[in-house]
Structures are given as structure tokens and as C-alpha cells.
C-alpha atoms as a PDB file:
ATOM      1  CA  UNK A   1       0.000   0.000   0.000  1.00  0.00           C
ATOM      2  CA  UNK A   2       1.381   3.414  -0.824  1.00  0.00           C
ATOM      3  CA  UNK A   3       1.578   6.436   1.459  1.00  0.00           C
ATOM      4  CA  UNK A   4      -0.748   8.253  -0.929  1.00  0.00           C
ATOM      5  CA  UNK A   5      -3.577   5.883   0.037  1.00  0.00           C
ATOM      6  CA  UNK A   6      -3.517   7.426   3.518  1.00  0.00           C
ATOM      7  CA  UNK A   7      -4.859  10.668   2.047  1.00  0.00           C
ATOM      8  CA  UNK A   8      -7.127   9.304  -0.683  1.00  0.00           C
ATOM      9  CA  UNK A   9     -10.646  10.445   0.204  1.00  0.00           C
ATOM     10  CA  UNK A  10     -12.193   7.747  -2.012  1.00  0.00           C
ATOM     11  CA  UNK A  11     -11.183   4.685   0.015  1.00  0.00           C
ATOM     12  CA  UNK A  12     -12.894   2.987   2.924  1.00  0.00           C
ATOM     13  CA  UNK A  13     -11.904   4.070   6.423  1.00  0.00           C
ATOM     14  CA  UNK A  14     -10.158   0.796   7.207  1.00  0.00           C
ATOM     15  CA  UNK A  15      -7.931   1.202   4.158  1.00  0.00           C
ATOM     16  CA  UNK A  16      -7.110   4.779   5.170  1.00  0.00           C
ATOM     17  CA  UNK A  17      -6.243   3.631   8.699  1.00  0.00           C
ATOM     18  CA  UNK A  18      -4.091   0.733   7.525  1.00  0.00           C
ATOM     19  CA  UNK A  19      -2.212   3.041   5.159  1.00  0.00           C
ATOM     20  CA  UNK A  20      -1.093   5.065   8.191  1.00  0.00           C
ATOM     21  CA  UNK A  21       0.291   2.022  10.045  1.00  0.00           C
ATOM     22  CA  UNK A  22       1.465   0.093   7.007  1.00  0.00           C
ATOM     23  CA  UNK A  23       4.966  -1.303   7.233  1.00  0.00           C
ATOM     24  CA  UNK A  24       6.982  -3.597   9.421  1.00  0.00           C
ATOM     25  CA  UNK A  25       7.730  -1.242  12.317  1.00  0.00           C
ATOM     26  CA  UNK A  26       4.928   1.283  12.827  1.00  0.00           C
ATOM     27  CA  UNK A  27       2.617  -0.879  14.924  1.00  0.00           C
ATOM     28  CA  UNK A  28       5.522  -1.812  17.194  1.00  0.00           C
ATOM     29  CA  UNK A  29       6.501   1.837  17.520  1.00  0.00           C
ATOM     30  CA  UNK A  30       2.911   2.771  18.294  1.00  0.00           C
ATOM     31  CA  UNK A  31       2.774   0.084  20.975  1.00  0.00           C
ATOM     32  CA  UNK A  32       6.055   1.215  22.570  1.00  0.00           C
ATOM     33  CA  UNK A  33       5.045   4.872  22.528  1.00  0.00           C
ATOM     34  CA  UNK A  34       1.795   3.968  24.294  1.00  0.00           C
ATOM     35  CA  UNK A  35       3.980   3.275  27.323  1.00  0.00           C
ATOM     36  CA  UNK A  36       5.216   6.881  27.376  1.00  0.00           C
ATOM     37  CA  UNK A  37       7.751   9.190  25.720  1.00  0.00           C
ATOM     38  CA  UNK A  38      10.771   7.410  24.286  1.00  0.00           C
ATOM     39  CA  UNK A  39      14.122   8.435  22.903  1.00  0.00           C
ATOM     40  CA  UNK A  40      15.080   7.040  19.479  1.00  0.00           C
ATOM     41  CA  UNK A  41      17.883   4.899  20.899  1.00  0.00           C
ATOM     42  CA  UNK A  42      15.514   3.265  23.369  1.00  0.00           C
ATOM     43  CA  UNK A  43      13.043   2.510  20.591  1.00  0.00           C
ATOM     44  CA  UNK A  44      15.785   0.880  18.502  1.00  0.00           C
ATOM     45  CA  UNK A  45      16.957  -1.273  21.409  1.00  0.00           C
ATOM     46  CA  UNK A  46      13.422  -2.566  21.923  1.00  0.00           C
ATOM     47  CA  UNK A  47      12.935  -3.437  18.244  1.00  0.00           C
ATOM     48  CA  UNK A  48      15.944  -5.522  17.168  1.00  0.00           C
ATOM     49  CA  UNK A  49      16.635  -5.275  13.468  1.00  0.00           C
ATOM     50  CA  UNK A  50      15.269  -1.744  13.132  1.00  0.00           C
ATOM     51  CA  UNK A  51      17.896   0.480  11.518  1.00  0.00           C
ATOM     52  CA  UNK A  52      18.382   4.116  12.443  1.00  0.00           C
ATOM     53  CA  UNK A  53      17.428   5.189   8.923  1.00  0.00           C
ATOM     54  CA  UNK A  54      14.166   3.221   8.904  1.00  0.00           C
ATOM     55  CA  UNK A  55      13.345   4.367  12.446  1.00  0.00           C
ATOM     56  CA  UNK A  56      13.829   8.001  11.447  1.00  0.00           C
ATOM     57  CA  UNK A  57      11.680   7.542   8.340  1.00  0.00           C
ATOM     58  CA  UNK A  58       8.879   5.761  10.215  1.00  0.00           C
ATOM     59  CA  UNK A  59       8.814   8.349  13.013  1.00  0.00           C
ATOM     60  CA  UNK A  60       8.818  11.177  10.473  1.00  0.00           C
ATOM     61  CA  UNK A  61       5.867   9.631   8.623  1.00  0.00           C
ATOM     62  CA  UNK A  62       4.026   9.047  11.886  1.00  0.00           C
ATOM     63  CA  UNK A  63       4.637  12.676  12.860  1.00  0.00           C
ATOM     64  CA  UNK A  64       3.412  13.846   9.441  1.00  0.00           C
ATOM     65  CA  UNK A  65       0.254  11.774   9.995  1.00  0.00           C
ATOM     66  CA  UNK A  66      -0.264  13.421  13.390  1.00  0.00           C
ATOM     67  CA  UNK A  67       0.342  10.250  15.414  1.00  0.00           C
ATOM     68  CA  UNK A  68       3.537  11.223  17.229  1.00  0.00           C
ATOM     69  CA  UNK A  69       5.024  14.403  18.617  1.00  0.00           C
ATOM     70  CA  UNK A  70       8.762  15.050  18.321  1.00  0.00           C
ATOM     71  CA  UNK A  71      10.284  17.152  21.073  1.00  0.00           C
ATOM     72  CA  UNK A  72      13.891  18.333  20.958  1.00  0.00           C
ATOM     73  CA  UNK A  73      15.274  19.445  24.321  1.00  0.00           C
ATOM     74  CA  UNK A  74      17.766  22.307  24.165  1.00  0.00           C
ATOM     75  CA  UNK A  75      20.654  20.566  25.904  1.00  0.00           C
ATOM     76  CA  UNK A  76      24.020  19.340  24.701  1.00  0.00           C
ATOM     77  CA  UNK A  77      24.063  16.764  23.303  1.00  0.00           C
ATOM     78  CA  UNK A  78      20.593  17.283  21.848  1.00  0.00           C
ATOM     79  CA  UNK A  79      17.959  15.082  23.432  1.00  0.00           C
ATOM     80  CA  UNK A  80      15.003  14.077  21.258  1.00  0.00           C
ATOM     81  CA  UNK A  81      11.908  12.349  22.573  1.00  0.00           C
ATOM     82  CA  UNK A  82       8.879  11.003  20.778  1.00  0.00           C
ATOM     83  CA  UNK A  83       5.439  10.609  22.296  1.00  0.00           C
ATOM     84  CA  UNK A  84       1.955   9.786  21.085  1.00  0.00           C
ATOM     85  CA  UNK A  85      -0.341  12.664  20.271  1.00  0.00           C
ATOM     86  CA  UNK A  86      -3.990  12.424  21.341  1.00  0.00           C
ATOM     87  CA  UNK A  87      -4.742  11.417  17.716  1.00  0.00           C
ATOM     88  CA  UNK A  88      -2.100   8.683  17.964  1.00  0.00           C
ATOM     89  CA  UNK A  89      -3.608   7.488  21.245  1.00  0.00           C
ATOM     90  CA  UNK A  90      -7.010   7.359  19.514  1.00  0.00           C
ATOM     91  CA  UNK A  91      -5.475   5.047  16.895  1.00  0.00           C
ATOM     92  CA  UNK A  92      -3.857   2.882  19.574  1.00  0.00           C
ATOM     93  CA  UNK A  93      -7.213   2.614  21.364  1.00  0.00           C
ATOM     94  CA  UNK A  94      -8.935   1.707  18.090  1.00  0.00           C
ATOM     95  CA  UNK A  95      -6.336  -1.015  17.420  1.00  0.00           C
ATOM     96  CA  UNK A  96      -6.714  -2.604  20.887  1.00  0.00           C
ATOM     97  CA  UNK A  97      -9.651  -4.857  19.848  1.00  0.00           C
ATOM     98  CA  UNK A  98      -7.731  -5.898  16.734  1.00  0.00           C
ATOM     99  CA  UNK A  99      -4.767  -6.772  18.958  1.00  0.00           C
ATOM    100  CA  UNK A 100      -7.044  -8.840  21.177  1.00  0.00           C
ATOM    101  CA  UNK A 101      -8.349 -10.663  18.106  1.00  0.00           C
ATOM    102  CA  UNK A 102      -4.766 -11.305  16.981  1.00  0.00           C
ATOM    103  CA  UNK A 103      -3.883 -12.836  20.347  1.00  0.00           C
ATOM    104  CA  UNK A 104      -6.959 -15.080  20.172  1.00  0.00           C
ATOM    105  CA  UNK A 105      -5.870 -16.157  16.687  1.00  0.00           C
ATOM    106  CA  UNK A 106      -2.384 -16.969  17.955  1.00  0.00           C
ATOM    107  CA  UNK A 107      -3.910 -18.974  20.815  1.00  0.00           C
ATOM    108  CA  UNK A 108      -5.968 -20.947  18.270  1.00  0.00           C
ATOM    109  CA  UNK A 109      -2.905 -21.568  16.137  1.00  0.00           C
ATOM    110  CA  UNK A 110      -1.016 -22.720  19.210  1.00  0.00           C
ATOM    111  CA  UNK A 111      -3.873 -25.074  20.056  1.00  0.00           C
ATOM    112  CA  UNK A 112      -3.718 -26.509  16.544  1.00  0.00           C
ATOM    113  CA  UNK A 113      -0.053 -27.312  17.075  1.00  0.00           C
ATOM    114  CA  UNK A 114      -0.714 -29.373  20.194  1.00  0.00           C
ATOM    115  CA  UNK A 115      -0.808 -33.153  19.757  1.00  0.00           C
ATOM    116  CA  UNK A 116      -4.317 -34.456  19.158  1.00  0.00           C
ATOM    117  CA  UNK A 117      -6.036 -35.772  22.278  1.00  0.00           C
ATOM    118  CA  UNK A 118      -6.683 -39.516  22.203  1.00  0.00           C
END
């Protein structure tokens, strides 16, 4: 899905919402930022495999979409923190039932992997 789909007024709401969180890292970032403001280094440590470049790009897109707030503290060295905006928290709240469904699905899959009862 392209970033342009996030602003296309002629798509269903679910498609518009998914376009905003599309990608490998954005849902994880959203989940981590729900716990409170985070510095970029802390976010990277909690998501192994996430490069600095991709982190910066994802956070920039999320900020452009109004999901996260970037705050730069005027200290040396510069200290940057990211936090969810109220709009971002709304999205996180809306995704909570989907997360619950996903966990139920994983539980079902795990049950399917258990040996059959005799």
C-alpha cells in the first residue's frame, strides 16, 4: 500500500487507517510509545533489526500523519523524545480490539499445534 492511500478520500476508512500504520515497524513503535515518551535509541533497542534510517523515516511519517510528537530538548548533546499525540492514542485505542483478536488467533494456532487428544 502506498503512502498516498492514507490521504485518498475515495477509500474505505479501514484502508485509510491501515495506510497510516502500514509497514513492518509502525505498529511496534505505536505500541512502545503507548507506554510513554521514548528516545530514538531506546526505541531501537526494543525493536531488534530496526535500523536508524528506517526508524527516522517511520517516526517522520508518523509525525506527518499526526500520530507522534517530536520534542527536541535544548541541551548538549541534543535530546530528542517522541510521544503519542492524542490522535495517535485514539489510533492505539482503536487497534486494541484488533490486537485482542490477533492474540486469540495466535492462541488458536497454538492449540492446533498441540498433539491431538486420544
